């Protein structure tokens, strides 16, 4: 027995709704799992001062200035502008070579878990190892104690998590639309066949 158009619509509509709900779930789960722990990958240091960084991967690293953050259970709120005169130096302890610090190609900012940061410099390491970060104010300058954070491809990881999330969300909407459009076409075809069958029956009558 052929299903009625109404029954066909209800089944396809339910499937479309389930697809959208699944997309929303994947969207939320991906954002939560991809970003909830990503701030822990940022290594915080107090400036001015010295800190040894165990950089486990070669590649590009970004230094962020965190104007609003928590460090060792203490709240730091130091203004949006990076302190003038604060110098940064990163040295490979195995070779004594200084890393080439350069300005970031673009301004990257984040606000995650009560922490707000802005990129201020980048550097590249050729091999994993221990690198010493030294921060100090230039001679004759004084400034506040601030928090810096160092991350490896940090913004790229945030972008990837967001890209996957939005792809899942909008992909589910597109798929649901395809299902509904297909259901509408099937209904139109079924109604057309039904009208043709009625005409044939009326044509065969007495």
C-alpha atoms as a PDB file:
ATOM      1  CA  UNK A   1       0.000   0.000   0.000  1.00  0.00           C
ATOM      2  CA  UNK A   2       1.350   3.442  -0.938  1.00  0.00           C
ATOM      3  CA  UNK A   3       1.907   5.849   1.919  1.00  0.00           C
ATOM      4  CA  UNK A   4      -0.225   8.961   1.959  1.00  0.00           C
ATOM      5  CA  UNK A   5       1.496  12.314   1.275  1.00  0.00           C
ATOM      6  CA  UNK A   6       0.717  13.520   4.798  1.00  0.00           C
ATOM      7  CA  UNK A   7       2.404  10.467   6.331  1.00  0.00           C
ATOM      8  CA  UNK A   8       5.374  10.999   4.049  1.00  0.00           C
ATOM      9  CA  UNK A   9       5.664  14.637   5.187  1.00  0.00           C
ATOM     10  CA  UNK A  10       5.485  13.762   8.874  1.00  0.00           C
ATOM     11  CA  UNK A  11       8.224  11.169   8.613  1.00  0.00           C
ATOM     12  CA  UNK A  12      10.536  13.415   6.590  1.00  0.00           C
ATOM     13  CA  UNK A  13       9.827  16.383   8.865  1.00  0.00           C
ATOM     14  CA  UNK A  14      10.720  14.319  11.938  1.00  0.00           C
ATOM     15  CA  UNK A  15      13.951  13.210  10.273  1.00  0.00           C
ATOM     16  CA  UNK A  16      14.847  16.820   9.414  1.00  0.00           C
ATOM     17  CA  UNK A  17      14.218  17.904  13.009  1.00  0.00           C
ATOM     18  CA  UNK A  18      16.436  15.096  14.314  1.00  0.00           C
ATOM     19  CA  UNK A  19      19.202  16.106  11.918  1.00  0.00           C
ATOM     20  CA  UNK A  20      19.086  19.727  13.129  1.00  0.00           C
ATOM     21  CA  UNK A  21      19.060  18.643  16.777  1.00  0.00           C
ATOM     22  CA  UNK A  22      22.060  16.411  16.126  1.00  0.00           C
ATOM     23  CA  UNK A  23      23.841  19.342  14.496  1.00  0.00           C
ATOM     24  CA  UNK A  24      23.129  21.560  17.500  1.00  0.00           C
ATOM     25  CA  UNK A  25      24.443  18.855  19.836  1.00  0.00           C
ATOM     26  CA  UNK A  26      27.652  18.417  17.819  1.00  0.00           C
ATOM     27  CA  UNK A  27      28.028  22.207  17.665  1.00  0.00           C
ATOM     28  CA  UNK A  28      27.808  22.603  21.435  1.00  0.00           C
ATOM     29  CA  UNK A  29      29.894  19.551  22.247  1.00  0.00           C
ATOM     30  CA  UNK A  30      32.682  20.513  19.843  1.00  0.00           C
ATOM     31  CA  UNK A  31      32.916  24.039  21.197  1.00  0.00           C
ATOM     32  CA  UNK A  32      32.889  22.820  24.797  1.00  0.00           C
ATOM     33  CA  UNK A  33      35.432  20.026  24.301  1.00  0.00           C
ATOM     34  CA  UNK A  34      37.622  22.039  21.939  1.00  0.00           C
ATOM     35  CA  UNK A  35      37.803  25.261  23.913  1.00  0.00           C
ATOM     36  CA  UNK A  36      37.076  24.367  27.550  1.00  0.00           C
ATOM     37  CA  UNK A  37      40.614  23.109  28.182  1.00  0.00           C
ATOM     38  CA  UNK A  38      42.485  25.055  25.550  1.00  0.00           C
ATOM     39  CA  UNK A  39      43.388  27.880  27.937  1.00  0.00           C
ATOM     40  CA  UNK A  40      45.364  25.353  29.982  1.00  0.00           C
ATOM     41  CA  UNK A  41      47.774  25.037  27.059  1.00  0.00           C
ATOM     42  CA  UNK A  42      48.859  28.626  27.616  1.00  0.00           C
ATOM     43  CA  UNK A  43      51.897  28.822  29.909  1.00  0.00           C
ATOM     44  CA  UNK A  44      51.627  31.848  32.188  1.00  0.00           C
ATOM     45  CA  UNK A  45      54.636  33.816  33.430  1.00  0.00           C
ATOM     46  CA  UNK A  46      55.014  36.881  35.623  1.00  0.00           C
ATOM     47  CA  UNK A  47      56.775  39.900  34.169  1.00  0.00           C
ATOM     48  CA  UNK A  48      59.227  41.292  34.963  1.00  0.00           C
ATOM     49  CA  UNK A  49      61.105  38.136  35.892  1.00  0.00           C
ATOM     50  CA  UNK A  50      62.553  34.881  34.558  1.00  0.00           C
ATOM     51  CA  UNK A  51      60.757  31.703  33.576  1.00  0.00           C
ATOM     52  CA  UNK A  52      61.952  28.471  31.980  1.00  0.00           C
ATOM     53  CA  UNK A  53      59.595  27.223  29.285  1.00  0.00           C
ATOM     54  CA  UNK A  54      59.542  23.539  28.368  1.00  0.00           C
ATOM     55  CA  UNK A  55      58.568  23.841  24.709  1.00  0.00           C
ATOM     56  CA  UNK A  56      57.704  20.335  23.544  1.00  0.00           C
ATOM     57  CA  UNK A  57      57.070  21.127  19.884  1.00  0.00           C
ATOM     58  CA  UNK A  58      59.008  22.941  17.213  1.00  0.00           C
ATOM     59  CA  UNK A  59      57.246  25.729  15.364  1.00  0.00           C
ATOM     60  CA  UNK A  60      55.736  29.119  15.971  1.00  0.00           C
ATOM     61  CA  UNK A  61      54.848  30.396  19.427  1.00  0.00           C
ATOM     62  CA  UNK A  62      52.876  33.476  20.386  1.00  0.00           C
ATOM     63  CA  UNK A  63      53.326  35.631  23.470  1.00  0.00           C
ATOM     64  CA  UNK A  64      50.121  37.157  24.816  1.00  0.00           C
ATOM     65  CA  UNK A  65      49.632  39.970  27.280  1.00  0.00           C
ATOM     66  CA  UNK A  66      46.821  39.013  29.667  1.00  0.00           C
ATOM     67  CA  UNK A  67      45.320  42.201  31.029  1.00  0.00           C
ATOM     68  CA  UNK A  68      42.621  40.309  32.955  1.00  0.00           C
ATOM     69  CA  UNK A  69      43.575  36.936  34.378  1.00  0.00           C
ATOM     70  CA  UNK A  70      44.136  34.710  37.388  1.00  0.00           C
ATOM     71  CA  UNK A  71      47.613  33.531  38.328  1.00  0.00           C
ATOM     72  CA  UNK A  72      48.340  31.458  41.426  1.00  0.00           C
ATOM     73  CA  UNK A  73      44.893  32.293  42.832  1.00  0.00           C
ATOM     74  CA  UNK A  74      45.460  36.023  42.433  1.00  0.00           C
ATOM     75  CA  UNK A  75      43.478  38.322  40.158  1.00  0.00           C
ATOM     76  CA  UNK A  76      45.436  40.550  37.802  1.00  0.00           C
ATOM     77  CA  UNK A  77      43.719  43.504  36.137  1.00  0.00           C
ATOM     78  CA  UNK A  78      46.432  45.635  34.572  1.00  0.00           C
ATOM     79  CA  UNK A  79      44.785  47.675  31.842  1.00  0.00           C
ATOM     80  CA  UNK A  80      44.373  47.013  28.148  1.00  0.00           C
ATOM     81  CA  UNK A  81      47.627  48.668  27.036  1.00  0.00           C
ATOM     82  CA  UNK A  82      50.851  46.655  27.159  1.00  0.00           C
ATOM     83  CA  UNK A  83      53.259  48.332  29.610  1.00  0.00           C
ATOM     84  CA  UNK A  84      55.677  50.651  27.850  1.00  0.00           C
ATOM     85  CA  UNK A  85      59.341  49.755  28.209  1.00  0.00           C
ATOM     86  CA  UNK A  86      58.829  46.072  29.104  1.00  0.00           C
ATOM     87  CA  UNK A  87      61.429  44.067  27.180  1.00  0.00           C
ATOM     88  CA  UNK A  88      61.200  40.353  26.410  1.00  0.00           C
ATOM     89  CA  UNK A  89      64.002  37.949  25.603  1.00  0.00           C
ATOM     90  CA  UNK A  90      63.783  34.203  24.867  1.00  0.00           C
ATOM     91  CA  UNK A  91      66.983  32.114  24.924  1.00  0.00           C
ATOM     92  CA  UNK A  92      67.553  28.455  24.034  1.00  0.00           C
ATOM     93  CA  UNK A  93      69.356  27.086  27.106  1.00  0.00           C
ATOM     94  CA  UNK A  94      70.937  24.239  25.123  1.00  0.00           C
ATOM     95  CA  UNK A  95      72.728  26.554  22.700  1.00  0.00           C
ATOM     96  CA  UNK A  96      72.513  30.002  24.247  1.00  0.00           C
ATOM     97  CA  UNK A  97      70.952  31.391  21.076  1.00  0.00           C
ATOM     98  CA  UNK A  98      68.291  34.053  21.292  1.00  0.00           C
ATOM     99  CA  UNK A  99      64.974  33.482  19.583  1.00  0.00           C
ATOM    100  CA  UNK A 100      64.022  36.105  17.027  1.00  0.00           C
ATOM    101  CA  UNK A 101      61.033  37.921  18.485  1.00  0.00           C
ATOM    102  CA  UNK A 102      58.865  39.773  15.996  1.00  0.00           C
ATOM    103  CA  UNK A 103      55.498  41.514  16.055  1.00  0.00           C
ATOM    104  CA  UNK A 104      52.458  39.310  15.346  1.00  0.00           C
ATOM    105  CA  UNK A 105      51.149  39.385  11.781  1.00  0.00           C
ATOM    106  CA  UNK A 106      47.737  40.352  13.107  1.00  0.00           C
ATOM    107  CA  UNK A 107      46.221  41.245  16.428  1.00  0.00           C
ATOM    108  CA  UNK A 108      44.730  38.146  18.060  1.00  0.00           C
ATOM    109  CA  UNK A 109      42.611  38.359  21.180  1.00  0.00           C
ATOM    110  CA  UNK A 110      40.782  35.871  23.371  1.00  0.00           C
ATOM    111  CA  UNK A 111      38.530  35.767  26.392  1.00  0.00           C
ATOM    112  CA  UNK A 112      38.343  32.292  27.909  1.00  0.00           C
ATOM    113  CA  UNK A 113      37.567  31.210  31.447  1.00  0.00           C
ATOM    114  CA  UNK A 114      37.897  34.685  32.926  1.00  0.00           C
ATOM    115  CA  UNK A 115      41.173  35.333  31.077  1.00  0.00           C
ATOM    116  CA  UNK A 116      41.564  38.034  28.428  1.00  0.00           C
ATOM    117  CA  UNK A 117      44.666  38.263  26.301  1.00  0.00           C
ATOM    118  CA  UNK A 118      46.138  39.989  23.253  1.00  0.00           C
ATOM    119  CA  UNK A 119      49.061  38.866  21.109  1.00  0.00           C
ATOM    120  CA  UNK A 120      52.154  41.073  21.410  1.00  0.00           C
ATOM    121  CA  UNK A 121      54.985  39.006  19.871  1.00  0.00           C
ATOM    122  CA  UNK A 122      55.813  35.749  18.111  1.00  0.00           C
ATOM    123  CA  UNK A 123      58.922  33.600  17.857  1.00  0.00           C
ATOM    124  CA  UNK A 124      59.919  30.338  16.215  1.00  0.00           C
ATOM    125  CA  UNK A 125      61.865  27.423  17.668  1.00  0.00           C
ATOM    126  CA  UNK A 126      63.580  24.811  15.512  1.00  0.00           C
ATOM    127  CA  UNK A 127      63.560  22.053  18.100  1.00  0.00           C
ATOM    128  CA  UNK A 128      61.918  21.199  21.440  1.00  0.00           C
ATOM    129  CA  UNK A 129      63.771  22.108  24.592  1.00  0.00           C
ATOM    130  CA  UNK A 130      64.018  24.421  27.568  1.00  0.00           C
ATOM    131  CA  UNK A 131      63.868  28.097  26.721  1.00  0.00           C
ATOM    132  CA  UNK A 132      64.354  30.867  29.244  1.00  0.00           C
ATOM    133  CA  UNK A 133      62.094  33.893  28.985  1.00  0.00           C
ATOM    134  CA  UNK A 134      63.526  37.005  30.608  1.00  0.00           C
ATOM    135  CA  UNK A 135      61.369  40.087  30.992  1.00  0.00           C
ATOM    136  CA  UNK A 136      62.540  43.397  32.376  1.00  0.00           C
ATOM    137  CA  UNK A 137      61.847  47.079  32.104  1.00  0.00           C
ATOM    138  CA  UNK A 138      64.395  49.085  30.180  1.00  0.00           C
ATOM    139  CA  UNK A 139      66.870  51.112  32.306  1.00  0.00           C
ATOM    140  CA  UNK A 140      65.241  54.048  33.975  1.00  0.00           C
ATOM    141  CA  UNK A 141      61.730  52.699  33.386  1.00  0.00           C
ATOM    142  CA  UNK A 142      59.338  51.267  35.928  1.00  0.00           C
ATOM    143  CA  UNK A 143      56.044  49.551  35.470  1.00  0.00           C
ATOM    144  CA  UNK A 144      53.496  47.202  36.949  1.00  0.00           C
ATOM    145  CA  UNK A 145      53.812  43.458  37.425  1.00  0.00           C
ATOM    146  CA  UNK A 146      51.841  41.790  34.642  1.00  0.00           C
ATOM    147  CA  UNK A 147      51.030  38.325  33.352  1.00  0.00           C
ATOM    148  CA  UNK A 148      52.199  37.025  29.983  1.00  0.00           C
ATOM    149  CA  UNK A 149      51.154  33.751  28.383  1.00  0.00           C
ATOM    150  CA  UNK A 150      52.904  31.626  25.776  1.00  0.00           C
ATOM    151  CA  UNK A 151      51.059  29.295  23.430  1.00  0.00           C
ATOM    152  CA  UNK A 152      51.871  27.085  20.429  1.00  0.00           C
ATOM    153  CA  UNK A 153      49.501  27.738  17.501  1.00  0.00           C
ATOM    154  CA  UNK A 154      46.925  28.743  20.094  1.00  0.00           C
ATOM    155  CA  UNK A 155      44.692  30.868  17.876  1.00  0.00           C
ATOM    156  CA  UNK A 156      44.786  28.222  15.135  1.00  0.00           C
ATOM    157  CA  UNK A 157      43.407  25.658  17.583  1.00  0.00           C
ATOM    158  CA  UNK A 158      40.590  27.997  18.566  1.00  0.00           C
ATOM    159  CA  UNK A 159      39.836  28.667  14.904  1.00  0.00           C
ATOM    160  CA  UNK A 160      39.805  24.939  14.116  1.00  0.00           C
ATOM    161  CA  UNK A 161      37.382  24.200  16.951  1.00  0.00           C
ATOM    162  CA  UNK A 162      35.075  27.007  15.839  1.00  0.00           C
ATOM    163  CA  UNK A 163      35.268  25.911  12.195  1.00  0.00           C
ATOM    164  CA  UNK A 164      34.302  22.321  13.019  1.00  0.00           C
ATOM    165  CA  UNK A 165      31.449  23.507  15.244  1.00  0.00           C
ATOM    166  CA  UNK A 166      29.903  25.877  12.718  1.00  0.00           C
ATOM    167  CA  UNK A 167      30.391  23.370   9.895  1.00  0.00           C
ATOM    168  CA  UNK A 168      28.423  20.790  11.866  1.00  0.00           C
ATOM    169  CA  UNK A 169      25.689  23.301  12.728  1.00  0.00           C
ATOM    170  CA  UNK A 170      25.148  24.785   9.280  1.00  0.00           C
ATOM    171  CA  UNK A 171      25.735  21.416   7.620  1.00  0.00           C
ATOM    172  CA  UNK A 172      22.841  19.958   9.607  1.00  0.00           C
ATOM    173  CA  UNK A 173      20.604  22.836   8.497  1.00  0.00           C
ATOM    174  CA  UNK A 174      21.526  22.264   4.844  1.00  0.00           C
ATOM    175  CA  UNK A 175      20.911  18.532   5.174  1.00  0.00           C
ATOM    176  CA  UNK A 176      17.538  19.136   6.828  1.00  0.00           C
ATOM    177  CA  UNK A 177      16.599  21.512   4.004  1.00  0.00           C
ATOM    178  CA  UNK A 178      17.542  18.863   1.437  1.00  0.00           C
ATOM    179  CA  UNK A 179      15.364  16.322   3.241  1.00  0.00           C
ATOM    180  CA  UNK A 180      12.368  18.690   3.287  1.00  0.00           C
ATOM    181  CA  UNK A 181      12.806  19.694  -0.349  1.00  0.00           C
ATOM    182  CA  UNK A 182      13.026  16.046  -1.334  1.00  0.00           C
ATOM    183  CA  UNK A 183       9.902  15.283   0.697  1.00  0.00           C
ATOM    184  CA  UNK A 184       8.034  18.126  -0.998  1.00  0.00           C
ATOM    185  CA  UNK A 185       8.976  16.857  -4.428  1.00  0.00           C
ATOM    186  CA  UNK A 186       7.894  13.341  -3.515  1.00  0.00           C
ATOM    187  CA  UNK A 187       4.578  14.699  -2.270  1.00  0.00           C
ATOM    188  CA  UNK A 188       4.038  16.670  -5.479  1.00  0.00           C
ATOM    189  CA  UNK A 189       4.819  13.579  -7.553  1.00  0.00           C
ATOM    190  CA  UNK A 190       2.457  11.454  -5.434  1.00  0.00           C
ATOM    191  CA  UNK A 191      -0.333  14.021  -5.800  1.00  0.00           C
ATOM    192  CA  UNK A 192       0.261  14.159  -9.545  1.00  0.00           C
ATOM    193  CA  UNK A 193       0.026  10.372  -9.842  1.00  0.00           C
ATOM    194  CA  UNK A 194      -3.087  10.420  -7.688  1.00  0.00           C
ATOM    195  CA  UNK A 195      -4.778  12.986  -9.970  1.00  0.00           C
ATOM    196  CA  UNK A 196      -3.814  11.003 -13.057  1.00  0.00           C
ATOM    197  CA  UNK A 197      -5.233   7.811 -11.556  1.00  0.00           C
ATOM    198  CA  UNK A 198      -8.500   9.605 -10.750  1.00  0.00           C
ATOM    199  CA  UNK A 199      -8.759  10.885 -14.324  1.00  0.00           C
ATOM    200  CA  UNK A 200      -8.152   7.401 -15.676  1.00  0.00           C
ATOM    201  CA  UNK A 201     -10.823   5.963 -13.380  1.00  0.00           C
ATOM    202  CA  UNK A 202     -13.333   8.639 -14.386  1.00  0.00           C
ATOM    203  CA  UNK A 203     -12.463   8.042 -18.045  1.00  0.00           C
ATOM    204  CA  UNK A 204     -13.225   4.326 -17.717  1.00  0.00           C
ATOM    205  CA  UNK A 205     -16.556   4.898 -16.052  1.00  0.00           C
ATOM    206  CA  UNK A 206     -20.007   4.336 -17.765  1.00  0.00           C
END
